[in-house]
Amino acid sequence: MALTKEQMVDIVKEYGRDTKDTGSSEVQIVALTSKIKILTEHMKKNHKDFASRLGLLKMVAQRRKLLNYLQREDAQKYKEIKAKLGLK
């Protein structure tokens, strides 16, 4: 359920500051959102998979923390990321 190398490269190209920027908040948020979407589809089919459910909840919490950090540090980038990803 991990992202493929090609998917990660695409995310870094679009949201990263340079070609090897995988650590910035923006890239991490987008990568987590992609993983969350994949796990959400998995959970729709396998509703009794509690281990994956726990992982999904941890990812959502991590994304929330990163979004809070980005909002504190750069409100404009926060609004852009939130709008592009369609988050509430």
N, C-alpha and C. Protein backbone atom coordinates (compact mmCIF):
# COMPACT_ATOMS: atom_id res chain seq x y z
N MET A 1 0.81 -1.19 0.00
CA MET A 1 0.00 0.00 0.00
C MET A 1 0.86 1.26 0.00
N ALA A 2 2.12 1.08 -0.30
CA ALA A 2 3.01 2.23 -0.38
C ALA A 2 2.91 2.85 -1.76
N LEU A 3 3.38 4.07 -1.85
CA LEU A 3 3.40 4.75 -3.14
C LEU A 3 4.55 4.19 -3.98
N THR A 4 4.33 4.10 -5.28
CA THR A 4 5.40 3.65 -6.15
C THR A 4 6.42 4.78 -6.31
N LYS A 5 7.58 4.42 -6.81
CA LYS A 5 8.63 5.40 -6.99
C LYS A 5 8.19 6.49 -7.97
N GLU A 6 7.47 6.09 -9.02
CA GLU A 6 7.01 7.04 -10.02
C GLU A 6 6.01 8.02 -9.43
N GLN A 7 5.11 7.52 -8.59
CA GLN A 7 4.13 8.40 -7.94
C GLN A 7 4.84 9.41 -7.04
N MET A 8 5.83 8.96 -6.31
CA MET A 8 6.57 9.85 -5.41
C MET A 8 7.35 10.90 -6.20
N VAL A 9 7.94 10.49 -7.32
CA VAL A 9 8.67 11.44 -8.16
C VAL A 9 7.73 12.51 -8.69
N ASP A 10 6.53 12.11 -9.10
CA ASP A 10 5.54 13.07 -9.59
C ASP A 10 5.14 14.06 -8.50
N ILE A 11 4.95 13.56 -7.29
CA ILE A 11 4.58 14.42 -6.17
C ILE A 11 5.70 15.42 -5.89
N VAL A 12 6.94 14.95 -5.89
CA VAL A 12 8.08 15.83 -5.60
C VAL A 12 8.22 16.88 -6.71
N LYS A 13 8.02 16.49 -7.96
CA LYS A 13 8.11 17.45 -9.06
C LYS A 13 7.09 18.56 -8.92
N GLU A 14 5.87 18.19 -8.54
CA GLU A 14 4.80 19.18 -8.46
C GLU A 14 4.86 20.04 -7.20
N TYR A 15 5.17 19.45 -6.07
CA TYR A 15 5.07 20.17 -4.80
C TYR A 15 6.41 20.47 -4.13
N GLY A 16 7.48 19.82 -4.57
CA GLY A 16 8.77 19.99 -3.92
C GLY A 16 9.48 21.27 -4.33
N ARG A 17 10.45 21.63 -3.55
CA ARG A 17 11.24 22.83 -3.85
C ARG A 17 12.31 22.53 -4.88
N ASP A 18 12.82 21.29 -4.90
CA ASP A 18 13.73 20.84 -5.94
C ASP A 18 13.47 19.36 -6.20
N THR A 19 14.30 18.71 -7.01
CA THR A 19 14.00 17.34 -7.43
C THR A 19 14.20 16.30 -6.33
N LYS A 20 14.93 16.64 -5.28
CA LYS A 20 15.17 15.66 -4.22
C LYS A 20 14.53 16.07 -2.89
N ASP A 21 13.57 16.95 -2.96
CA ASP A 21 12.92 17.46 -1.76
C ASP A 21 11.77 16.56 -1.34
N THR A 22 12.07 15.58 -0.50
CA THR A 22 11.01 14.70 -0.01
C THR A 22 10.64 15.01 1.44
N GLY A 23 11.34 15.93 2.06
CA GLY A 23 11.13 16.19 3.47
C GLY A 23 10.30 17.41 3.78
N SER A 24 10.01 18.23 2.79
CA SER A 24 9.25 19.44 3.09
C SER A 24 7.82 19.07 3.48
N SER A 25 7.21 19.93 4.23
CA SER A 25 5.86 19.68 4.73
C SER A 25 4.87 19.45 3.60
N GLU A 26 5.00 20.24 2.54
CA GLU A 26 4.06 20.14 1.43
C GLU A 26 4.11 18.75 0.79
N VAL A 27 5.32 18.26 0.54
CA VAL A 27 5.48 16.95 -0.10
C VAL A 27 4.98 15.86 0.83
N GLN A 28 5.29 15.96 2.11
CA GLN A 28 4.83 14.95 3.06
C GLN A 28 3.31 14.91 3.15
N ILE A 29 2.67 16.07 3.13
CA ILE A 29 1.21 16.14 3.21
C ILE A 29 0.58 15.49 1.99
N VAL A 30 1.11 15.80 0.81
CA VAL A 30 0.55 15.22 -0.42
C VAL A 30 0.78 13.71 -0.46
N ALA A 31 1.96 13.26 -0.04
CA ALA A 31 2.25 11.83 -0.02
C ALA A 31 1.32 11.10 0.95
N LEU A 32 1.13 11.67 2.13
CA LEU A 32 0.22 11.06 3.10
C LEU A 32 -1.22 11.04 2.58
N THR A 33 -1.63 12.09 1.89
CA THR A 33 -2.98 12.13 1.34
C THR A 33 -3.16 11.02 0.31
N SER A 34 -2.17 10.79 -0.51
CA SER A 34 -2.25 9.71 -1.50
C SER A 34 -2.35 8.36 -0.82
N LYS A 35 -1.54 8.15 0.22
CA LYS A 35 -1.59 6.89 0.96
C LYS A 35 -2.94 6.71 1.66
N ILE A 36 -3.47 7.80 2.19
CA ILE A 36 -4.77 7.75 2.88
C ILE A 36 -5.87 7.36 1.91
N LYS A 37 -5.82 7.89 0.69
CA LYS A 37 -6.83 7.53 -0.32
C LYS A 37 -6.76 6.05 -0.66
N ILE A 38 -5.53 5.53 -0.80
CA ILE A 38 -5.37 4.11 -1.10
C ILE A 38 -5.91 3.25 0.03
N LEU A 39 -5.57 3.60 1.27
CA LEU A 39 -6.04 2.82 2.42
C LEU A 39 -7.54 2.94 2.62
N THR A 40 -8.10 4.08 2.29
CA THR A 40 -9.55 4.26 2.41
C THR A 40 -10.28 3.30 1.48
N GLU A 41 -9.79 3.18 0.25
CA GLU A 41 -10.39 2.22 -0.69
C GLU A 41 -10.24 0.79 -0.18
N HIS A 42 -9.08 0.47 0.39
CA HIS A 42 -8.86 -0.85 0.95
C HIS A 42 -9.84 -1.13 2.10
N MET A 43 -10.07 -0.12 2.93
CA MET A 43 -10.95 -0.30 4.09
C MET A 43 -12.41 -0.47 3.67
N LYS A 44 -12.79 0.10 2.54
CA LYS A 44 -14.16 -0.08 2.05
C LYS A 44 -14.42 -1.55 1.70
N LYS A 45 -13.39 -2.22 1.19
CA LYS A 45 -13.53 -3.62 0.81
C LYS A 45 -13.29 -4.56 1.99
N ASN A 46 -12.41 -4.17 2.91
CA ASN A 46 -11.99 -5.03 4.02
C ASN A 46 -12.27 -4.32 5.34
N HIS A 47 -13.52 -4.20 5.69
CA HIS A 47 -13.89 -3.40 6.86
C HIS A 47 -13.45 -4.02 8.19
N LYS A 48 -13.05 -5.27 8.19
CA LYS A 48 -12.61 -5.90 9.44
C LYS A 48 -11.09 -5.91 9.60
N ASP A 49 -10.39 -5.23 8.73
CA ASP A 49 -8.93 -5.17 8.80
C ASP A 49 -8.53 -4.07 9.78
N PHE A 50 -8.46 -4.44 11.04
CA PHE A 50 -8.23 -3.46 12.09
C PHE A 50 -6.80 -2.95 12.13
N ALA A 51 -5.85 -3.74 11.68
CA ALA A 51 -4.45 -3.29 11.64
C ALA A 51 -4.30 -2.15 10.62
N SER A 52 -4.92 -2.31 9.47
CA SER A 52 -4.87 -1.25 8.47
C SER A 52 -5.64 -0.02 8.94
N ARG A 53 -6.70 -0.24 9.68
CA ARG A 53 -7.48 0.88 10.21
C ARG A 53 -6.63 1.71 11.16
N LEU A 54 -5.86 1.04 11.99
CA LEU A 54 -4.98 1.75 12.91
C LEU A 54 -3.93 2.56 12.15
N GLY A 55 -3.35 1.95 11.11
CA GLY A 55 -2.38 2.67 10.29
C GLY A 55 -3.01 3.87 9.61
N LEU A 56 -4.23 3.72 9.15
CA LEU A 56 -4.95 4.82 8.51
C LEU A 56 -5.18 5.97 9.49
N LEU A 57 -5.59 5.66 10.69
CA LEU A 57 -5.82 6.69 11.70
C LEU A 57 -4.52 7.41 12.06
N LYS A 58 -3.41 6.68 12.11
CA LYS A 58 -2.12 7.29 12.40
C LYS A 58 -1.70 8.24 11.28
N MET A 59 -1.96 7.82 10.04
CA MET A 59 -1.61 8.68 8.90
C MET A 59 -2.44 9.96 8.90
N VAL A 60 -3.72 9.84 9.22
CA VAL A 60 -4.58 11.02 9.27
C VAL A 60 -4.10 11.98 10.36
N ALA A 61 -3.71 11.43 11.50
CA ALA A 61 -3.22 12.27 12.59
C ALA A 61 -1.90 12.95 12.21
N GLN A 62 -1.02 12.22 11.54
CA GLN A 62 0.26 12.79 11.11
C GLN A 62 0.03 13.92 10.09
N ARG A 63 -0.90 13.69 9.16
CA ARG A 63 -1.20 14.73 8.18
C ARG A 63 -1.77 15.97 8.86
N ARG A 64 -2.63 15.76 9.86
CA ARG A 64 -3.20 16.89 10.59
C ARG A 64 -2.10 17.70 11.29
N LYS A 65 -1.13 17.00 11.90
CA LYS A 65 -0.02 17.69 12.55
C LYS A 65 0.79 18.50 11.55
N LEU A 66 1.07 17.92 10.39
CA LEU A 66 1.82 18.64 9.36
C LEU A 66 1.04 19.84 8.84
N LEU A 67 -0.27 19.69 8.68
CA LEU A 67 -1.09 20.81 8.24
C LEU A 67 -1.11 21.93 9.27
N ASN A 68 -1.19 21.58 10.54
CA ASN A 68 -1.14 22.59 11.60
C ASN A 68 0.19 23.33 11.58
N TYR A 69 1.28 22.59 11.40
CA TYR A 69 2.61 23.21 11.32
C TYR A 69 2.68 24.17 10.13
N LEU A 70 2.21 23.70 8.98
CA LEU A 70 2.26 24.54 7.78
C LEU A 70 1.40 25.79 7.94
N GLN A 71 0.27 25.66 8.60
CA GLN A 71 -0.59 26.82 8.84
C GLN A 71 0.10 27.85 9.72
N ARG A 72 0.82 27.37 10.74
CA ARG A 72 1.56 28.29 11.61
C ARG A 72 2.69 28.98 10.87
N GLU A 73 3.42 28.22 10.06
CA GLU A 73 4.63 28.75 9.43
C GLU A 73 4.37 29.53 8.15
N ASP A 74 3.45 29.05 7.31
CA ASP A 74 3.20 29.69 6.02
C ASP A 74 1.72 29.51 5.66
N ALA A 75 0.91 30.46 6.05
CA ALA A 75 -0.54 30.37 5.86
C ALA A 75 -0.92 30.31 4.38
N GLN A 76 -0.16 30.98 3.52
CA GLN A 76 -0.48 30.99 2.09
C GLN A 76 -0.30 29.60 1.47
N LYS A 77 0.81 28.92 1.79
CA LYS A 77 1.03 27.57 1.28
C LYS A 77 0.00 26.60 1.85
N TYR A 78 -0.39 26.82 3.09
CA TYR A 78 -1.42 25.99 3.72
C TYR A 78 -2.72 26.07 2.93
N LYS A 79 -3.12 27.29 2.59
CA LYS A 79 -4.36 27.47 1.83
C LYS A 79 -4.27 26.85 0.45
N GLU A 80 -3.10 26.98 -0.20
CA GLU A 80 -2.91 26.40 -1.53
C GLU A 80 -2.99 24.87 -1.50
N ILE A 81 -2.29 24.27 -0.56
CA ILE A 81 -2.29 22.80 -0.43
C ILE A 81 -3.69 22.31 -0.12
N LYS A 82 -4.35 22.97 0.79
CA LYS A 82 -5.69 22.57 1.20
C LYS A 82 -6.66 22.64 0.02
N ALA A 83 -6.55 23.67 -0.78
CA ALA A 83 -7.43 23.83 -1.94
C ALA A 83 -7.12 22.80 -3.02
N LYS A 84 -5.83 22.55 -3.29
CA LYS A 84 -5.45 21.58 -4.33
C LYS A 84 -5.88 20.16 -3.98
N LEU A 85 -5.78 19.83 -2.70
CA LEU A 85 -6.12 18.47 -2.28
C LEU A 85 -7.59 18.30 -1.95
N GLY A 86 -8.30 19.38 -1.84
CA GLY A 86 -9.72 19.31 -1.52
C GLY A 86 -10.00 18.90 -0.09
N LEU A 87 -9.14 19.33 0.83
CA LEU A 87 -9.32 18.99 2.24
C LEU A 87 -10.24 20.01 2.91
N LYS A 88 -10.87 19.57 3.97
CA LYS A 88 -11.76 20.46 4.71
C LYS A 88 -10.97 21.38 5.62
